[in-house]
Amino acid sequence: MGLIQAHRRWGFGLCFLYLRNVQGQIWNHKRVYRIYRELELNLRIKPRKRLVREKLEKLSVPAFPNWVWSMDFIADRLLDGCAFRLLNILDGFNREGPAIEVEFSLPACPLPEFSFRTPLKRGEITILPKVA
């Protein structure tokens, strides 16, 4: 009883370990827990605090094809260890992939080269980088 009064916030586990390891008692954990419950020493279980999350803004949906395109770089390695990169261009309206560029050395800004080739087939575009 003196142990509980000295350490009010100790639960059953700490009390049992203290009795066994510090005081050298050889009591079974089931016996200690039975006495702990009979003396009504159980601690109140505190409910978890809920995180308040901000409302997310909805993403705008493109109204028609070729209005917003997004790009995504992907890097991988072959079995022999040689690295390569892919540049995926996606149409935001219909999720169509009009172009995939695959190179062993693909710089991070191939947009001028790409933007002159593809609009001839697809029409005028607005390219926005994908936020991952």
C-alpha atoms as a PDB file:
ATOM      1  CA  MET A   1       0.000   0.000   0.000  1.00  0.00           C
ATOM      2  CA  GLY A   2       2.883   2.341   0.767  1.00  0.00           C
ATOM      3  CA  LEU A   3       4.241   1.691  -2.710  1.00  0.00           C
ATOM      4  CA  ILE A   4       1.031   2.944  -4.333  1.00  0.00           C
ATOM      5  CA  GLN A   5       0.874   6.027  -2.105  1.00  0.00           C
ATOM      6  CA  ALA A   6       4.481   6.906  -2.952  1.00  0.00           C
ATOM      7  CA  HIS A   7       3.944   6.425  -6.689  1.00  0.00           C
ATOM      8  CA  ARG A   8       0.329   7.334  -7.517  1.00  0.00           C
ATOM      9  CA  ARG A   9       0.748   7.096 -11.308  1.00  0.00           C
ATOM     10  CA  TRP A  10       2.282   3.638 -11.347  1.00  0.00           C
ATOM     11  CA  GLY A  11       0.063   1.015 -12.850  1.00  0.00           C
ATOM     12  CA  PHE A  12       0.079  -2.706 -12.220  1.00  0.00           C
ATOM     13  CA  GLY A  13       3.063  -3.356 -14.483  1.00  0.00           C
ATOM     14  CA  LEU A  14       5.438  -0.961 -12.754  1.00  0.00           C
ATOM     15  CA  CYS A  15       4.274  -2.079  -9.312  1.00  0.00           C
ATOM     16  CA  PHE A  16       4.863  -5.732 -10.167  1.00  0.00           C
ATOM     17  CA  LEU A  17       8.329  -5.056 -11.617  1.00  0.00           C
ATOM     18  CA  TYR A  18       9.274  -2.985  -8.558  1.00  0.00           C
ATOM     19  CA  LEU A  19       8.133  -5.734  -6.162  1.00  0.00           C
ATOM     20  CA  ARG A  20       9.975  -8.433  -8.097  1.00  0.00           C
ATOM     21  CA  ASN A  21      13.207  -6.669  -9.110  1.00  0.00           C
ATOM     22  CA  VAL A  22      13.800  -4.110  -6.334  1.00  0.00           C
ATOM     23  CA  GLN A  23      12.226  -5.689  -3.252  1.00  0.00           C
ATOM     24  CA  GLY A  24      12.983  -9.271  -4.291  1.00  0.00           C
ATOM     25  CA  GLN A  25       9.434 -10.655  -3.805  1.00  0.00           C
ATOM     26  CA  ILE A  26       8.849 -13.927  -5.661  1.00  0.00           C
ATOM     27  CA  TRP A  27       5.106 -13.502  -6.099  1.00  0.00           C
ATOM     28  CA  ASN A  28       3.349 -14.574  -9.261  1.00  0.00           C
ATOM     29  CA  HIS A  29       2.059 -11.745 -11.497  1.00  0.00           C
ATOM     30  CA  LYS A  30      -1.471 -13.204 -11.299  1.00  0.00           C
ATOM     31  CA  ARG A  31      -1.422 -12.992  -7.515  1.00  0.00           C
ATOM     32  CA  VAL A  32      -0.152  -9.398  -7.534  1.00  0.00           C
ATOM     33  CA  TYR A  33      -2.809  -8.415 -10.106  1.00  0.00           C
ATOM     34  CA  ARG A  34      -5.595 -10.031  -8.022  1.00  0.00           C
ATOM     35  CA  ILE A  35      -4.535  -8.047  -4.941  1.00  0.00           C
ATOM     36  CA  TYR A  36      -4.141  -4.887  -7.071  1.00  0.00           C
ATOM     37  CA  ARG A  37      -7.764  -5.239  -8.265  1.00  0.00           C
ATOM     38  CA  GLU A  38      -9.147  -6.085  -4.806  1.00  0.00           C
ATOM     39  CA  LEU A  39      -7.618  -2.885  -3.392  1.00  0.00           C
ATOM     40  CA  GLU A  40      -9.200  -0.986  -6.326  1.00  0.00           C
ATOM     41  CA  LEU A  41      -5.928   0.593  -7.347  1.00  0.00           C
ATOM     42  CA  ASN A  42      -6.707   0.550 -11.058  1.00  0.00           C
ATOM     43  CA  LEU A  43      -5.825   3.756 -12.866  1.00  0.00           C
ATOM     44  CA  ARG A  44      -8.315   5.520 -15.096  1.00  0.00           C
ATOM     45  CA  ILE A  45      -7.626   4.893 -18.773  1.00  0.00           C
ATOM     46  CA  LYS A  46      -7.422   8.302 -20.401  1.00  0.00           C
ATOM     47  CA  PRO A  47      -9.111   8.685 -23.779  1.00  0.00           C
ATOM     48  CA  ARG A  48      -6.833   9.655 -26.640  1.00  0.00           C
ATOM     49  CA  LYS A  49      -6.820  13.237 -27.791  1.00  0.00           C
ATOM     50  CA  ARG A  50      -8.128  13.530 -31.318  1.00  0.00           C
ATOM     51  CA  LEU A  51      -6.100  15.495 -33.800  1.00  0.00           C
ATOM     52  CA  VAL A  52      -7.900  18.442 -35.321  1.00  0.00           C
ATOM     53  CA  ARG A  53      -7.321  18.325 -39.050  1.00  0.00           C
ATOM     54  CA  GLU A  54      -7.785  21.148 -41.464  1.00  0.00           C
ATOM     55  CA  LYS A  55     -10.288  20.807 -44.284  1.00  0.00           C
ATOM     56  CA  LEU A  56      -8.523  20.010 -47.522  1.00  0.00           C
ATOM     57  CA  GLU A  57      -9.248  22.073 -50.579  1.00  0.00           C
ATOM     58  CA  LYS A  58     -10.660  20.101 -53.466  1.00  0.00           C
ATOM     59  CA  LEU A  59      -8.456  19.903 -56.518  1.00  0.00           C
ATOM     60  CA  SER A  60      -9.769  21.591 -59.604  1.00  0.00           C
ATOM     61  CA  VAL A  61     -10.918  19.234 -62.351  1.00  0.00           C
ATOM     62  CA  PRO A  62      -9.956  20.154 -65.925  1.00  0.00           C
ATOM     63  CA  ALA A  63     -12.985  21.115 -68.012  1.00  0.00           C
ATOM     64  CA  PHE A  64     -11.814  19.751 -71.374  1.00  0.00           C
ATOM     65  CA  PRO A  65      -8.936  17.740 -72.923  1.00  0.00           C
ATOM     66  CA  ASN A  66      -5.505  19.354 -73.436  1.00  0.00           C
ATOM     67  CA  TRP A  67      -6.262  22.018 -70.821  1.00  0.00           C
ATOM     68  CA  VAL A  68      -3.954  20.765 -68.042  1.00  0.00           C
ATOM     69  CA  TRP A  69      -1.191  18.239 -68.442  1.00  0.00           C
ATOM     70  CA  SER A  70       0.973  16.929 -65.637  1.00  0.00           C
ATOM     71  CA  MET A  71       4.402  15.352 -65.730  1.00  0.00           C
ATOM     72  CA  ASP A  72       6.062  12.775 -63.536  1.00  0.00           C
ATOM     73  CA  PHE A  73       9.643  11.503 -63.469  1.00  0.00           C
ATOM     74  CA  ILE A  74      10.298   7.858 -62.588  1.00  0.00           C
ATOM     75  CA  ALA A  75      13.783   6.412 -62.017  1.00  0.00           C
ATOM     76  CA  ASP A  76      14.711   2.731 -62.006  1.00  0.00           C
ATOM     77  CA  ARG A  77      17.624   0.377 -62.668  1.00  0.00           C
ATOM     78  CA  LEU A  78      18.093  -2.549 -65.026  1.00  0.00           C
ATOM     79  CA  LEU A  79      19.398  -5.933 -63.854  1.00  0.00           C
ATOM     80  CA  ASP A  80      22.952  -4.954 -64.807  1.00  0.00           C
ATOM     81  CA  GLY A  81      22.696  -1.842 -62.583  1.00  0.00           C
ATOM     82  CA  CYS A  82      22.339   0.686 -65.394  1.00  0.00           C
ATOM     83  CA  ALA A  83      19.992   3.515 -64.350  1.00  0.00           C
ATOM     84  CA  PHE A  84      17.288   4.980 -66.582  1.00  0.00           C
ATOM     85  CA  ARG A  85      14.560   7.598 -66.188  1.00  0.00           C
ATOM     86  CA  LEU A  86      11.046   7.912 -67.554  1.00  0.00           C
ATOM     87  CA  LEU A  87       9.088  11.100 -68.096  1.00  0.00           C
ATOM     88  CA  ASN A  88       5.331  10.504 -68.146  1.00  0.00           C
ATOM     89  CA  ILE A  89       3.058  13.223 -69.503  1.00  0.00           C
ATOM     90  CA  LEU A  90      -0.615  12.820 -68.527  1.00  0.00           C
ATOM     91  CA  ASP A  91      -3.724  14.667 -69.659  1.00  0.00           C
ATOM     92  CA  GLY A  92      -5.619  15.780 -66.546  1.00  0.00           C
ATOM     93  CA  PHE A  93      -9.067  15.549 -68.146  1.00  0.00           C
ATOM     94  CA  ASN A  94      -9.193  11.980 -69.447  1.00  0.00           C
ATOM     95  CA  ARG A  95      -6.086  10.495 -67.740  1.00  0.00           C
ATOM     96  CA  GLU A  96      -4.618   9.725 -71.135  1.00  0.00           C
ATOM     97  CA  GLY A  97      -0.841   9.443 -71.442  1.00  0.00           C
ATOM     98  CA  PRO A  98       0.070  11.171 -74.711  1.00  0.00           C
ATOM     99  CA  ALA A  99       3.818  10.754 -74.224  1.00  0.00           C
ATOM    100  CA  ILE A 100       6.353   8.684 -72.332  1.00  0.00           C
ATOM    101  CA  GLU A 101      10.017   9.583 -72.729  1.00  0.00           C
ATOM    102  CA  VAL A 102      12.566   6.907 -71.727  1.00  0.00           C
ATOM    103  CA  GLU A 103      16.275   7.752 -71.632  1.00  0.00           C
ATOM    104  CA  PHE A 104      19.398   6.607 -69.837  1.00  0.00           C
ATOM    105  CA  SER A 105      20.257  10.257 -69.215  1.00  0.00           C
ATOM    106  CA  LEU A 106      17.104  12.357 -68.961  1.00  0.00           C
ATOM    107  CA  PRO A 107      17.646  15.859 -67.545  1.00  0.00           C
ATOM    108  CA  ALA A 108      15.125  17.310 -65.132  1.00  0.00           C
ATOM    109  CA  CYS A 109      13.964  20.008 -67.577  1.00  0.00           C
ATOM    110  CA  PRO A 110      13.308  18.484 -71.020  1.00  0.00           C
ATOM    111  CA  LEU A 111      10.223  20.687 -71.400  1.00  0.00           C
ATOM    112  CA  PRO A 112      11.422  22.910 -74.269  1.00  0.00           C
ATOM    113  CA  GLU A 113      12.370  19.869 -76.362  1.00  0.00           C
ATOM    114  CA  PHE A 114       9.159  18.018 -75.488  1.00  0.00           C
ATOM    115  CA  SER A 115       6.829  20.982 -75.855  1.00  0.00           C
ATOM    116  CA  PHE A 116       7.878  21.552 -79.470  1.00  0.00           C
ATOM    117  CA  ARG A 117       7.251  17.939 -80.535  1.00  0.00           C
ATOM    118  CA  THR A 118       3.973  17.019 -78.881  1.00  0.00           C
ATOM    119  CA  PRO A 119       1.678  20.047 -79.460  1.00  0.00           C
ATOM    120  CA  LEU A 120       1.835  19.389 -83.186  1.00  0.00           C
ATOM    121  CA  LYS A 121      -0.158  16.214 -82.531  1.00  0.00           C
ATOM    122  CA  ARG A 122      -2.244  17.325 -79.543  1.00  0.00           C
ATOM    123  CA  GLY A 123      -2.913  21.062 -79.791  1.00  0.00           C
ATOM    124  CA  GLU A 124      -2.150  23.867 -77.312  1.00  0.00           C
ATOM    125  CA  ILE A 125      -1.400  22.748 -73.725  1.00  0.00           C
ATOM    126  CA  THR A 126      -0.633  24.033 -70.249  1.00  0.00           C
ATOM    127  CA  ILE A 127       1.914  21.861 -68.426  1.00  0.00           C
ATOM    128  CA  LEU A 128       1.869  21.778 -64.629  1.00  0.00           C
ATOM    129  CA  PRO A 129       4.348  19.712 -62.595  1.00  0.00           C
ATOM    130  CA  LYS A 130       2.848  16.896 -60.542  1.00  0.00           C
ATOM    131  CA  VAL A 131       3.111  17.469 -56.788  1.00  0.00           C
ATOM    132  CA  ALA A 132       3.947  14.181 -55.056  1.00  0.00           C
END
